[in-house]
C-alpha atoms as a PDB file:
ATOM      1  CA  MET A   1     -16.837   6.244 -12.794  1.00  0.00           C
ATOM      2  CA  PRO A   2     -13.551   5.207 -10.536  1.00  0.00           C
ATOM      3  CA  VAL A   3     -10.943   3.775 -13.054  1.00  0.00           C
ATOM      4  CA  ASN A   4      -7.364   3.655 -12.749  1.00  0.00           C
ATOM      5  CA  ALA A   5      -7.643   5.116  -8.905  1.00  0.00           C
ATOM      6  CA  ALA A   6      -9.202   8.266 -10.137  1.00  0.00           C
ATOM      7  CA  ILE A   7     -11.594   9.671  -7.740  1.00  0.00           C
ATOM      8  CA  GLY A   8     -15.257   8.467  -8.385  1.00  0.00           C
ATOM      9  CA  HIS A   9     -18.764   8.817  -6.973  1.00  0.00           C
ATOM     10  CA  GLU A  10     -19.166  10.791  -3.802  1.00  0.00           C
ATOM     11  CA  ALA A  11     -21.394   9.700  -1.075  1.00  0.00           C
ATOM     12  CA  ASN A  12     -23.176  11.606   1.707  1.00  0.00           C
ATOM     13  CA  ARG A  13     -24.318   9.281   5.355  1.00  0.00           C
ATOM     14  CA  ASP A  14     -28.186   8.882   3.269  1.00  0.00           C
ATOM     15  CA  ASP A  15     -26.075   6.395   0.307  1.00  0.00           C
ATOM     16  CA  ARG A  16     -26.722   3.203   0.590  1.00  0.00           C
ATOM     17  CA  VAL A  17     -23.998   2.071  -2.463  1.00  0.00           C
ATOM     18  CA  VAL A  18     -21.264   3.671  -4.065  1.00  0.00           C
ATOM     19  CA  THR A  19     -21.259   2.220  -7.357  1.00  0.00           C
ATOM     20  CA  ALA A  20     -18.119   0.712  -8.968  1.00  0.00           C
ATOM     21  CA  GLY A  21     -16.038   1.749 -11.985  1.00  0.00           C
ATOM     22  CA  LEU A  22     -14.483  -1.994 -13.468  1.00  0.00           C
ATOM     23  CA  GLY A  23     -15.894  -4.282 -11.152  1.00  0.00           C
ATOM     24  CA  GLU A  24     -15.700  -4.027  -7.279  1.00  0.00           C
ATOM     25  CA  LEU A  25     -14.402  -7.589  -7.362  1.00  0.00           C
ATOM     26  CA  LEU A  26     -11.602  -7.817  -9.598  1.00  0.00           C
ATOM     27  CA  ARG A  27     -10.164  -5.187  -8.578  1.00  0.00           C
ATOM     28  CA  ILE A  28      -8.902  -3.292  -5.113  1.00  0.00           C
ATOM     29  CA  ASN A  29     -10.996  -0.973  -3.582  1.00  0.00           C
ATOM     30  CA  VAL A  30     -10.220   1.847  -1.691  1.00  0.00           C
ATOM     31  CA  LEU A  31     -12.534   4.130   0.098  1.00  0.00           C
ATOM     32  CA  TYR A  32     -11.579   7.628   1.302  1.00  0.00           C
ATOM     33  CA  LEU A  33     -13.569   8.801   4.482  1.00  0.00           C
ATOM     34  CA  GLY A  34     -13.265  12.169   6.109  1.00  0.00           C
ATOM     35  CA  ASP A  35     -13.521  13.116  10.131  1.00  0.00           C
ATOM     36  CA  GLY A  36     -14.060  16.606  11.464  1.00  0.00           C
ATOM     37  CA  TYR A  37     -15.091  18.257   8.425  1.00  0.00           C
ATOM     38  CA  LEU A  38     -18.381  20.391   8.685  1.00  0.00           C
ATOM     39  CA  ALA A  39     -21.582  20.218   6.576  1.00  0.00           C
ATOM     40  CA  GLY A  40     -20.355  23.307   4.586  1.00  0.00           C
ATOM     41  CA  GLN A  41     -16.703  21.665   3.943  1.00  0.00           C
ATOM     42  CA  LYS A  42     -17.441  18.922   1.120  1.00  0.00           C
ATOM     43  CA  ASP A  43     -15.245  21.123  -1.015  1.00  0.00           C
ATOM     44  CA  ARG A  44     -12.702  20.701   0.811  1.00  0.00           C
ATOM     45  CA  PHE A  45     -12.909  17.294   1.685  1.00  0.00           C
ATOM     46  CA  MET A  46     -12.986  16.246  -2.062  1.00  0.00           C
ATOM     47  CA  GLN A  47      -9.695  18.484  -2.606  1.00  0.00           C
ATOM     48  CA  ASP A  48      -7.929  16.899  -0.103  1.00  0.00           C
ATOM     49  CA  VAL A  49      -9.238  13.295  -1.198  1.00  0.00           C
ATOM     50  CA  ALA A  50      -7.937  14.060  -4.696  1.00  0.00           C
ATOM     51  CA  ARG A  51      -4.367  15.329  -3.305  1.00  0.00           C
ATOM     52  CA  PHE A  52      -4.264  11.824  -0.729  1.00  0.00           C
ATOM     53  CA  ASN A  53      -4.744   9.878  -3.726  1.00  0.00           C
ATOM     54  CA  ALA A  54      -2.213  11.470  -5.521  1.00  0.00           C
ATOM     55  CA  ALA A  55       0.148  11.227  -2.190  1.00  0.00           C
ATOM     56  CA  ILE A  56      -0.655   7.473  -2.538  1.00  0.00           C
ATOM     57  CA  MET A  57      -0.591   6.847  -6.414  1.00  0.00           C
ATOM     58  CA  ILE A  58       3.192   7.287  -6.992  1.00  0.00           C
ATOM     59  CA  GLU A  59       5.842   4.888  -7.393  1.00  0.00           C
ATOM     60  CA  PRO A  60       5.458   1.849  -6.908  1.00  0.00           C
ATOM     61  CA  LEU A  61       1.815   1.871  -7.128  1.00  0.00           C
ATOM     62  CA  SER A  62       1.669   4.182 -10.087  1.00  0.00           C
ATOM     63  CA  GLY A  63       2.616   1.517 -12.834  1.00  0.00           C
ATOM     64  CA  TYR A  64      -0.457   0.063 -10.872  1.00  0.00           C
ATOM     65  CA  THR A  65      -3.136   1.976 -10.747  1.00  0.00           C
ATOM     66  CA  ARG A  66      -5.520  -0.110 -13.283  1.00  0.00           C
ATOM     67  CA  TYR A  67      -5.579  -2.741 -10.358  1.00  0.00           C
ATOM     68  CA  PHE A  68      -7.413   0.201  -8.036  1.00  0.00           C
ATOM     69  CA  ASN A  69     -10.558   1.925  -7.501  1.00  0.00           C
ATOM     70  CA  ALA A  70     -11.278   4.714  -5.634  1.00  0.00           C
ATOM     71  CA  TYR A  71     -14.501   6.408  -3.656  1.00  0.00           C
ATOM     72  CA  ALA A  72     -14.880   9.635  -1.794  1.00  0.00           C
ATOM     73  CA  ALA A  73     -17.590   9.329   0.777  1.00  0.00           C
ATOM     74  CA  PHE A  74     -18.556  12.639   2.793  1.00  0.00           C
ATOM     75  CA  VAL A  75     -20.063  12.602   6.145  1.00  0.00           C
ATOM     76  CA  PRO A  76     -20.079  15.559   8.028  1.00  0.00           C
ATOM     77  CA  SER A  77     -19.394  15.958  11.620  1.00  0.00           C
ATOM     78  CA  SER A  78     -20.938  18.110  14.022  1.00  0.00           C
ATOM     79  CA  GLU A  79     -18.051  19.983  15.443  1.00  0.00           C
ATOM     80  CA  SER A  80     -14.540  20.378  13.279  1.00  0.00           C
ATOM     81  CA  GLY A  81     -11.156  18.900  14.117  1.00  0.00           C
ATOM     82  CA  ALA A  82     -10.275  16.055  16.388  1.00  0.00           C
ATOM     83  CA  SER A  83     -10.446  15.276  19.981  1.00  0.00           C
ATOM     84  CA  LYS A  84      -7.452  15.885  22.244  1.00  0.00           C
ATOM     85  CA  GLU A  85      -5.237  18.132  19.334  1.00  0.00           C
ATOM     86  CA  ASP A  86      -4.628  20.051  22.730  1.00  0.00           C
ATOM     87  CA  GLY A  87      -4.075  16.830  24.625  1.00  0.00           C
ATOM     88  CA  SER A  88      -8.036  16.742  26.471  1.00  0.00           C
ATOM     89  CA  THR A  89     -10.505  18.369  24.510  1.00  0.00           C
ATOM     90  CA  LEU A  90     -13.032  16.192  23.183  1.00  0.00           C
ATOM     91  CA  ARG A  91     -14.892  16.891  19.684  1.00  0.00           C
ATOM     92  CA  ASP A  92     -18.184  15.634  18.662  1.00  0.00           C
ATOM     93  CA  THR A  93     -17.285  14.695  15.172  1.00  0.00           C
ATOM     94  CA  ALA A  94     -18.808  11.536  13.062  1.00  0.00           C
ATOM     95  CA  PHE A  95     -16.140   9.129  13.797  1.00  0.00           C
ATOM     96  CA  LEU A  96     -14.643  10.172  16.868  1.00  0.00           C
ATOM     97  CA  CYS A  97     -10.701  10.380  15.927  1.00  0.00           C
ATOM     98  CA  SER A  98      -8.717  11.647  18.540  1.00  0.00           C
ATOM     99  CA  TYR A  99      -4.906  12.260  19.327  1.00  0.00           C
ATOM    100  CA  TYR A 100      -2.608  10.758  22.055  1.00  0.00           C
ATOM    101  CA  THR A 101      -3.772   6.825  21.471  1.00  0.00           C
ATOM    102  CA  ASN A 102      -2.016   5.136  23.594  1.00  0.00           C
ATOM    103  CA  ASP A 103      -0.690   8.603  25.349  1.00  0.00           C
ATOM    104  CA  VAL A 104       1.068   9.101  22.206  1.00  0.00           C
ATOM    105  CA  ASP A 105       0.618  12.541  20.976  1.00  0.00           C
ATOM    106  CA  ARG A 106       0.962  11.999  17.130  1.00  0.00           C
ATOM    107  CA  MET A 107      -1.079   8.868  17.310  1.00  0.00           C
ATOM    108  CA  LEU A 108      -4.508   9.572  15.793  1.00  0.00           C
ATOM    109  CA  THR A 109      -6.791   6.863  15.175  1.00  0.00           C
ATOM    110  CA  CYS A 110     -10.566   6.692  14.974  1.00  0.00           C
ATOM    111  CA  ASN A 111     -13.467   4.796  16.343  1.00  0.00           C
ATOM    112  CA  SER A 112     -13.281   1.247  14.164  1.00  0.00           C
ATOM    113  CA  ARG A 113     -17.008   0.238  14.883  1.00  0.00           C
ATOM    114  CA  ARG A 114     -18.321   3.475  13.488  1.00  0.00           C
ATOM    115  CA  VAL A 115     -15.682   3.680  10.385  1.00  0.00           C
ATOM    116  CA  MET A 116     -17.054  -0.118   9.581  1.00  0.00           C
ATOM    117  CA  THR A 117     -20.488   0.831  10.103  1.00  0.00           C
ATOM    118  CA  MET A 118     -20.155   3.317   7.403  1.00  0.00           C
ATOM    119  CA  LYS A 119     -18.185   0.829   5.281  1.00  0.00           C
ATOM    120  CA  LYS A 120     -21.081  -1.868   5.206  1.00  0.00           C
ATOM    121  CA  GLN A 121     -23.941   1.042   4.465  1.00  0.00           C
ATOM    122  CA  LEU A 122     -21.942   2.622   1.265  1.00  0.00           C
ATOM    123  CA  LEU A 123     -19.338   0.219  -0.351  1.00  0.00           C
ATOM    124  CA  PRO A 124     -19.208  -3.327   1.562  1.00  0.00           C
ATOM    125  CA  ASN A 125     -16.276  -4.468  -1.115  1.00  0.00           C
ATOM    126  CA  ALA A 126     -14.210  -1.858   0.088  1.00  0.00           C
ATOM    127  CA  ASP A 127     -10.744  -3.539   0.814  1.00  0.00           C
ATOM    128  CA  PHE A 128      -8.793  -0.546   2.125  1.00  0.00           C
ATOM    129  CA  ILE A 129     -10.514   3.010   4.407  1.00  0.00           C
ATOM    130  CA  VAL A 130      -8.066   6.659   4.111  1.00  0.00           C
ATOM    131  CA  MET A 131      -9.302   8.228   7.193  1.00  0.00           C
ATOM    132  CA  ILE A 132      -9.003  11.719   6.451  1.00  0.00           C
ATOM    133  CA  VAL A 133      -9.007  14.175   9.739  1.00  0.00           C
ATOM    134  CA  ASN A 134      -9.450  17.912   9.117  1.00  0.00           C
ATOM    135  CA  SER A 135      -6.876  19.159  11.655  1.00  0.00           C
ATOM    136  CA  ALA A 136      -3.636  20.734  10.952  1.00  0.00           C
ATOM    137  CA  GLN A 137      -1.789  18.853  13.542  1.00  0.00           C
ATOM    138  CA  PHE A 138       0.542  15.920  12.564  1.00  0.00           C
ATOM    139  CA  GLY A 139      -0.587  12.673  13.127  1.00  0.00           C
ATOM    140  CA  GLY A 140      -1.789   8.980  11.541  1.00  0.00           C
ATOM    141  CA  ALA A 141      -1.740   5.293  12.044  1.00  0.00           C
ATOM    142  CA  GLY A 142      -1.569   2.870   9.969  1.00  0.00           C
ATOM    143  CA  GLY A 143      -3.086  -0.359  10.737  1.00  0.00           C
ATOM    144  CA  ALA A 144      -7.235  -1.455  10.353  1.00  0.00           C
ATOM    145  CA  MET A 145      -7.704   1.763   8.513  1.00  0.00           C
ATOM    146  CA  VAL A 146      -5.019   4.590   7.462  1.00  0.00           C
ATOM    147  CA  VAL A 147      -5.187   7.872   9.425  1.00  0.00           C
ATOM    148  CA  ALA A 148      -3.527  11.129   8.467  1.00  0.00           C
ATOM    149  CA  ASN A 149      -4.462  14.763   9.652  1.00  0.00           C
ATOM    150  CA  ARG A 150      -5.359  16.669   6.309  1.00  0.00           C
ATOM    151  CA  THR A 151      -1.982  18.625   5.766  1.00  0.00           C
ATOM    152  CA  SER A 152      -0.176  15.512   6.267  1.00  0.00           C
ATOM    153  CA  SER A 153      -0.779  14.121   2.879  1.00  0.00           C
ATOM    154  CA  ASP A 154       3.190  12.849   2.698  1.00  0.00           C
ATOM    155  CA  ILE A 155       2.684  10.555   5.482  1.00  0.00           C
ATOM    156  CA  VAL A 156      -0.426   8.844   4.014  1.00  0.00           C
ATOM    157  CA  LEU A 157       1.753   6.404   1.567  1.00  0.00           C
ATOM    158  CA  HIS A 158       3.788   5.886   4.858  1.00  0.00           C
ATOM    159  CA  GLU A 159       0.984   4.930   6.872  1.00  0.00           C
ATOM    160  CA  PHE A 160      -0.899   3.053   3.594  1.00  0.00           C
ATOM    161  CA  ALA A 161       2.224   0.482   3.710  1.00  0.00           C
ATOM    162  CA  HIS A 162       1.429  -0.513   7.050  1.00  0.00           C
ATOM    163  CA  THR A 163      -1.825  -1.167   6.037  1.00  0.00           C
ATOM    164  CA  PHE A 164      -1.498  -2.440   2.302  1.00  0.00           C
ATOM    165  CA  ALA A 165       1.822  -4.457   2.617  1.00  0.00           C
ATOM    166  CA  ASN A 166       2.497  -5.585   6.031  1.00  0.00           C
ATOM    167  CA  LEU A 167       5.716  -3.475   5.995  1.00  0.00           C
ATOM    168  CA  ALA A 168       6.871  -2.417   9.702  1.00  0.00           C
ATOM    169  CA  ASP A 169       8.654   1.278  10.490  1.00  0.00           C
ATOM    170  CA  GLU A 170      12.399   0.739  10.268  1.00  0.00           C
ATOM    171  CA  TYR A 171      13.373   3.736  12.502  1.00  0.00           C
ATOM    172  CA  GLY A 172      14.217   2.778  16.235  1.00  0.00           C
ATOM    173  CA  GLY A 173      16.323   4.301  19.671  1.00  0.00           C
ATOM    174  CA  THR A 174      16.745   7.907  19.370  1.00  0.00           C
ATOM    175  CA  GLU A 175      14.525   8.330  16.174  1.00  0.00           C
ATOM    176  CA  ALA A 176      11.566   6.847  18.045  1.00  0.00           C
ATOM    177  CA  TYR A 177      11.860   7.294  21.694  1.00  0.00           C
ATOM    178  CA  GLY A 178      14.552  10.335  22.142  1.00  0.00           C
ATOM    179  CA  GLU A 179      16.657   7.855  23.901  1.00  0.00           C
ATOM    180  CA  GLU A 180      19.382   5.157  23.053  1.00  0.00           C
ATOM    181  CA  GLN A 181      16.804   1.699  24.190  1.00  0.00           C
ATOM    182  CA  PRO A 182      13.855   1.761  25.507  1.00  0.00           C
ATOM    183  CA  SER A 183      13.949   0.291  29.183  1.00  0.00           C
ATOM    184  CA  ALA A 184      10.801  -1.778  28.355  1.00  0.00           C
ATOM    185  CA  TYR A 185      13.106  -3.611  26.082  1.00  0.00           C
ATOM    186  CA  GLU A 186      15.493  -3.870  28.137  1.00  0.00           C
ATOM    187  CA  ALA A 187      13.123  -5.301  30.551  1.00  0.00           C
ATOM    188  CA  GLY A 188      11.852  -7.957  28.305  1.00  0.00           C
ATOM    189  CA  THR A 189       8.535  -6.381  27.763  1.00  0.00           C
ATOM    190  CA  LEU A 190       8.892  -4.674  24.522  1.00  0.00           C
ATOM    191  CA  GLN A 191       8.679  -7.337  21.661  1.00  0.00           C
ATOM    192  CA  CYS A 192      10.073  -7.376  18.198  1.00  0.00           C
ATOM    193  CA  TYR A 193       7.937  -8.797  15.406  1.00  0.00           C
ATOM    194  CA  GLU A 194       9.425 -10.270  11.972  1.00  0.00           C
ATOM    195  CA  ALA A 195       7.985  -8.614   8.928  1.00  0.00           C
ATOM    196  CA  VAL A 196       9.240  -8.578   5.129  1.00  0.00           C
ATOM    197  CA  ASN A 197      11.393  -5.219   6.078  1.00  0.00           C
ATOM    198  CA  VAL A 198      12.413  -6.128   9.262  1.00  0.00           C
ATOM    199  CA  THR A 199      14.247  -9.090  11.306  1.00  0.00           C
ATOM    200  CA  ARG A 200      16.375 -10.116  14.256  1.00  0.00           C
ATOM    201  CA  GLN A 201      17.588 -12.757  11.995  1.00  0.00           C
ATOM    202  CA  THR A 202      21.445 -12.622  11.254  1.00  0.00           C
ATOM    203  CA  GLU A 203      22.137 -15.832   9.634  1.00  0.00           C
ATOM    204  CA  ARG A 204      21.904 -14.822   5.367  1.00  0.00           C
ATOM    205  CA  ALA A 205      19.877 -17.886   4.822  1.00  0.00           C
ATOM    206  CA  GLN A 206      17.415 -16.924   7.292  1.00  0.00           C
ATOM    207  CA  ILE A 207      16.760 -13.215   6.154  1.00  0.00           C
ATOM    208  CA  PRO A 208      13.566 -12.240   4.740  1.00  0.00           C
ATOM    209  CA  TRP A 209      15.332 -10.704   2.157  1.00  0.00           C
ATOM    210  CA  ALA A 210      17.823 -13.147   1.718  1.00  0.00           C
ATOM    211  CA  HIS A 211      17.037 -12.796  -2.014  1.00  0.00           C
ATOM    212  CA  TRP A 212      18.328  -9.343  -2.272  1.00  0.00           C
ATOM    213  CA  LEU A 213      21.597  -9.900  -0.591  1.00  0.00           C
ATOM    214  CA  ASP A 214      24.727  -9.932  -3.054  1.00  0.00           C
ATOM    215  CA  ALA A 215      27.446 -12.364  -1.721  1.00  0.00           C
ATOM    216  CA  ASP A 216      29.988  -9.402  -1.077  1.00  0.00           C
ATOM    217  CA  VAL A 217      27.858  -7.440   1.255  1.00  0.00           C
ATOM    218  CA  PRO A 218      28.858  -8.204   4.879  1.00  0.00           C
ATOM    219  CA  LEU A 219      26.263  -9.204   7.275  1.00  0.00           C
ATOM    220  CA  PRO A 220      25.402  -7.229   9.446  1.00  0.00           C
ATOM    221  CA  THR A 221      26.136  -3.786   7.376  1.00  0.00           C
ATOM    222  CA  GLN A 222      27.972  -1.249   8.844  1.00  0.00           C
ATOM    223  CA  PRO A 223      26.862   2.274   7.481  1.00  0.00           C
ATOM    224  CA  GLU A 224      29.895   3.804   6.764  1.00  0.00           C
ATOM    225  CA  THR A 225      30.708   0.857   4.461  1.00  0.00           C
ATOM    226  CA  ALA A 226      27.840   1.136   2.296  1.00  0.00           C
ATOM    227  CA  SER A 227      26.205   3.294  -0.004  1.00  0.00           C
ATOM    228  CA  ALA A 228      22.268   4.373  -0.727  1.00  0.00           C
ATOM    229  CA  SER A 229      21.502   1.812  -2.924  1.00  0.00           C
ATOM    230  CA  THR A 230      23.435  -1.134  -1.011  1.00  0.00           C
ATOM    231  CA  ILE A 231      20.818  -3.823   0.436  1.00  0.00           C
ATOM    232  CA  GLY A 232      22.201  -5.063   3.370  1.00  0.00           C
ATOM    233  CA  LEU A 233      21.711  -5.816   7.239  1.00  0.00           C
ATOM    234  CA  PHE A 234      21.830  -2.331   9.024  1.00  0.00           C
ATOM    235  CA  GLU A 235      20.960  -2.240  12.727  1.00  0.00           C
ATOM    236  CA  GLY A 236      18.162  -0.042  14.360  1.00  0.00           C
ATOM    237  CA  ALA A 237      14.251  -1.163  13.163  1.00  0.00           C
ATOM    238  CA  ASN A 238      10.797  -1.330  14.297  1.00  0.00           C
ATOM    239  CA  TYR A 239      10.966   1.424  17.509  1.00  0.00           C
ATOM    240  CA  LEU A 240      14.861  -0.488  18.443  1.00  0.00           C
ATOM    241  CA  ALA A 241      18.020   0.850  18.120  1.00  0.00           C
ATOM    242  CA  LYS A 242      19.847  -2.487  18.501  1.00  0.00           C
ATOM    243  CA  GLY A 243      19.413  -6.085  17.656  1.00  0.00           C
ATOM    244  CA  VAL A 244      16.987  -5.445  14.994  1.00  0.00           C
ATOM    245  CA  TYR A 245      18.000  -4.855  11.202  1.00  0.00           C
ATOM    246  CA  ARG A 246      16.351  -3.066   8.094  1.00  0.00           C
ATOM    247  CA  PRO A 247      17.512  -3.971   4.661  1.00  0.00           C
ATOM    248  CA  THR A 248      18.522  -0.167   3.534  1.00  0.00           C
ATOM    249  CA  LEU A 249      20.259   2.878   5.272  1.00  0.00           C
ATOM    250  CA  ASN A 250      17.310   4.806   4.487  1.00  0.00           C
ATOM    251  CA  SER A 251      13.331   4.044   3.009  1.00  0.00           C
ATOM    252  CA  LEU A 252      10.244   5.911   3.398  1.00  0.00           C
ATOM    253  CA  MET A 253       9.419   3.489   6.024  1.00  0.00           C
ATOM    254  CA  ARG A 254      12.336   5.290   7.960  1.00  0.00           C
ATOM    255  CA  ASP A 255      11.480   8.523   6.945  1.00  0.00           C
ATOM    256  CA  GLU A 256       8.675  10.023   4.544  1.00  0.00           C
ATOM    257  CA  SER A 257      10.952  11.983   2.518  1.00  0.00           C
ATOM    258  CA  GLN A 258      12.924   8.797   0.952  1.00  0.00           C
ATOM    259  CA  PRO A 259      11.680   6.216  -1.430  1.00  0.00           C
ATOM    260  CA  LEU A 260      10.620   2.916  -0.448  1.00  0.00           C
ATOM    261  CA  GLY A 261      13.818   0.966  -1.797  1.00  0.00           C
ATOM    262  CA  PRO A 262      13.536  -2.260  -3.740  1.00  0.00           C
ATOM    263  CA  VAL A 263      12.520  -4.685  -0.870  1.00  0.00           C
ATOM    264  CA  ASN A 264       9.900  -2.409   0.334  1.00  0.00           C
ATOM    265  CA  THR A 265       8.558  -2.096  -3.230  1.00  0.00           C
ATOM    266  CA  GLU A 266       8.679  -5.847  -3.722  1.00  0.00           C
ATOM    267  CA  ALA A 267       6.702  -6.299  -0.935  1.00  0.00           C
ATOM    268  CA  PHE A 268       4.166  -3.375  -2.764  1.00  0.00           C
ATOM    269  CA  VAL A 269       3.924  -5.379  -5.563  1.00  0.00           C
ATOM    270  CA  LEU A 270       3.341  -8.517  -4.203  1.00  0.00           C
ATOM    271  CA  ALA A 271       0.188  -7.256  -2.016  1.00  0.00           C
ATOM    272  CA  ILE A 272      -1.121  -6.085  -5.186  1.00  0.00           C
ATOM    273  CA  TYR A 273      -0.997  -9.776  -6.780  1.00  0.00           C
ATOM    274  CA  ASP A 274      -1.945 -11.453  -3.868  1.00  0.00           C
ATOM    275  CA  ARG A 275      -5.216  -9.206  -4.045  1.00  0.00           C
ATOM    276  CA  VAL A 276      -6.299  -9.207  -7.445  1.00  0.00           C
ATOM    277  CA  SER A 277      -5.190 -10.940 -10.911  1.00  0.00           C
ATOM    278  CA  PRO A 278      -3.434  -9.184 -13.250  1.00  0.00           C
ATOM    279  CA  ILE A 279      -5.887 -10.825 -16.016  1.00  0.00           C
ATOM    280  CA  ASP A 280      -8.828  -9.332 -16.738  1.00  0.00           C
ATOM    281  CA  LYS A 281     -10.154 -11.425 -19.964  1.00  0.00           C
ATOM    282  CA  VAL A 282      -8.858 -14.115 -22.019  1.00  0.00           C
ATOM    283  CA  ALA A 283      -9.104 -14.886 -25.862  1.00  0.00           C
ATOM    284  CA  PRO A 284      -9.606 -17.253 -27.223  1.00  0.00           C
ATOM    285  CA  ALA A 285     -12.579 -19.133 -25.001  1.00  0.00           C
ATOM    286  CA  PRO A 286     -11.014 -21.714 -23.025  1.00  0.00           C
ATOM    287  CA  ASN A 287     -10.565 -25.453 -24.150  1.00  0.00           C
ATOM    288  CA  SER A 288     -10.897 -24.126 -27.876  1.00  0.00           C
ATOM    289  CA  THR A 289      -8.362 -25.559 -30.525  1.00  0.00           C
ATOM    290  CA  VAL A 290      -5.876 -22.873 -31.767  1.00  0.00           C
ATOM    291  CA  ILE A 291      -3.491 -23.284 -34.405  1.00  0.00           C
ATOM    292  CA  TRP A 292      -0.860 -21.167 -34.402  1.00  0.00           C
ATOM    293  CA  GLN A 293       0.158 -20.558 -38.249  1.00  0.00           C
ATOM    294  CA  GLY A 294       3.104 -18.620 -39.578  1.00  0.00           C
ATOM    295  CA  PRO A 295       5.533 -17.215 -40.704  1.00  0.00           C
ATOM    296  CA  GLY A 296       7.730 -16.079 -37.651  1.00  0.00           C
ATOM    297  CA  THR A 297       8.426 -17.312 -34.805  1.00  0.00           C
ATOM    298  CA  LEU A 298       6.037 -17.118 -31.223  1.00  0.00           C
ATOM    299  CA  SER A 299       8.208 -16.216 -28.444  1.00  0.00           C
ATOM    300  CA  VAL A 300       6.948 -16.095 -24.681  1.00  0.00           C
ATOM    301  CA  HIS A 301       8.334 -15.726 -21.660  1.00  0.00           C
ATOM    302  CA  GLY A 302       7.328 -14.960 -17.855  1.00  0.00           C
ATOM    303  CA  HIS A 303       4.408 -14.969 -15.529  1.00  0.00           C
ATOM    304  CA  HIS A 304       0.935 -14.365 -17.145  1.00  0.00           C
ATOM    305  CA  ARG A 305      -0.406 -17.963 -16.440  1.00  0.00           C
ATOM    306  CA  HIS A 306       3.006 -18.820 -17.387  1.00  0.00           C
ATOM    307  CA  VAL A 307       2.837 -17.051 -20.545  1.00  0.00           C
ATOM    308  CA  ASP A 308       3.637 -13.430 -20.343  1.00  0.00           C
ATOM    309  CA  VAL A 309       4.732 -10.936 -23.733  1.00  0.00           C
ATOM    310  CA  ALA A 310       7.954  -8.558 -23.738  1.00  0.00           C
ATOM    311  CA  GLY A 311       6.748  -4.981 -24.793  1.00  0.00           C
ATOM    312  CA  GLY A 312       3.613  -5.052 -25.413  1.00  0.00           C
ATOM    313  CA  PRO A 313       0.731  -5.047 -25.886  1.00  0.00           C
ATOM    314  CA  ARG A 314       1.206  -7.450 -28.738  1.00  0.00           C
ATOM    315  CA  LEU A 315      -1.345  -9.109 -30.664  1.00  0.00           C
ATOM    316  CA  PHE A 316      -0.809 -12.601 -32.392  1.00  0.00           C
ATOM    317  CA  GLN A 317      -2.695 -14.043 -35.344  1.00  0.00           C
ATOM    318  CA  ALA A 318      -4.368 -17.631 -34.536  1.00  0.00           C
ATOM    319  CA  SER A 319      -7.194 -19.718 -36.350  1.00  0.00           C
ATOM    320  CA  ARG A 320      -8.938 -22.698 -36.305  1.00  0.00           C
ATOM    321  CA  PRO A 321      -9.942 -24.343 -39.794  1.00  0.00           C
ATOM    322  CA  GLY A 322     -12.406 -21.791 -41.592  1.00  0.00           C
ATOM    323  CA  GLN A 323     -12.955 -19.690 -38.879  1.00  0.00           C
ATOM    324  CA  GLY A 324     -10.715 -16.771 -37.918  1.00  0.00           C
ATOM    325  CA  LYS A 325      -9.635 -15.434 -34.156  1.00  0.00           C
ATOM    326  CA  ARG A 326      -7.194 -14.096 -32.613  1.00  0.00           C
ATOM    327  CA  ALA A 327      -5.116 -14.101 -29.445  1.00  0.00           C
ATOM    328  CA  GLU A 328      -4.612 -11.058 -27.147  1.00  0.00           C
ATOM    329  CA  ALA A 329      -2.240 -10.828 -24.414  1.00  0.00           C
ATOM    330  CA  GLU A 330      -1.281  -7.881 -22.514  1.00  0.00           C
ATOM    331  CA  PRO A 331       1.545  -7.810 -20.232  1.00  0.00           C
ATOM    332  CA  ALA A 332       1.831  -6.062 -16.483  1.00  0.00           C
ATOM    333  CA  ASN A 333       4.030  -3.083 -16.291  1.00  0.00           C
ATOM    334  CA  ASP A 334       6.524  -4.768 -13.694  1.00  0.00           C
ATOM    335  CA  ALA A 335       9.767  -3.544 -13.930  1.00  0.00           C
ATOM    336  CA  ALA A 336      10.298  -4.654 -10.181  1.00  0.00           C
ATOM    337  CA  PHE A 337       9.618  -8.694 -12.350  1.00  0.00           C
ATOM    338  CA  ASP A 338      13.030  -7.683 -14.136  1.00  0.00           C
ATOM    339  CA  ARG A 339      15.106  -8.359 -10.662  1.00  0.00           C
ATOM    340  CA  ARG A 340      14.422 -10.305  -7.529  1.00  0.00           C
ATOM    341  CA  LEU A 341      10.645 -11.022  -7.470  1.00  0.00           C
ATOM    342  CA  PRO A 342       9.617 -15.020  -7.070  1.00  0.00           C
ATOM    343  CA  ARG A 343       7.549 -16.097 -10.033  1.00  0.00           C
ATOM    344  CA  ARG A 344       4.100 -16.044  -9.855  1.00  0.00           C
ATOM    345  CA  SER A 345       1.010 -17.660 -12.159  1.00  0.00           C
ATOM    346  CA  TRP A 346      -2.485 -17.096 -12.126  1.00  0.00           C
ATOM    347  CA  GLN A 347      -5.209 -19.482 -12.678  1.00  0.00           C
END
């Protein structure tokens, strides 16, 4: 069964429910679907799912796999591939995935109504859907679902970052349009939205990642004065070359071969804790009267219900008069919390 983001039960069109491993309501549930796979290509699909899941569950998510369930549902198509691979030819596929969305050749999207209908049939509690398209042509998209062609597992974390952590693209200008600045921007018709990793703000206090900025880093930050590890205010992001800023010289949101970087990693970690509690159970029961008995000193600090245990897991022996009790706390694997993340607590 699907625990720790291992691939779980596979389903076909006739399945109504994909059963959960460790409680669908206690975990983030990812549903993998495929489009353009023929009836005899189930093994190919399951192999692709394994590759994509492994590509997503790298840093920073590799430290948080216990918070994820992953499921795969095989739905065969009448034809292989996707529509408009050549710019025009349509294919009869289960989810009508197609290139050239909004006339962008690599923008690969699917029919959301069909996808959501299948989700309701198979896994109503799915939090995120990853669609793998059986095509060798590069393409993908983020948004309501993550879409990528089967040979591009290297881009799936980038697309997942859009959907899961609301991260914006950090490339712009020539990287996006092949020109210094799109005419739509000059005409005022192309708008830049604010995100945790993209901003127009140049005042230190207004920058979304201000808590990461060292006092001696100049704003805006010039690339020639910075290193790969500098967190600053670098111009060029969100498809624009000028007037929009990103936190680092390079990251996964600008180049899929790069790591996420600290600011974007923070967004992933907070997105996890916005959706799931790190506490599965507590002992002793709530409202129990527990008397700490030495010898020794009980030292606690951090974030779990305002109580976290350094290292771990650690067991603390506690007792009621005449009755033995044990209290157990397991700290989250949060290297990021040792740095700049705001404090969180769970009820």
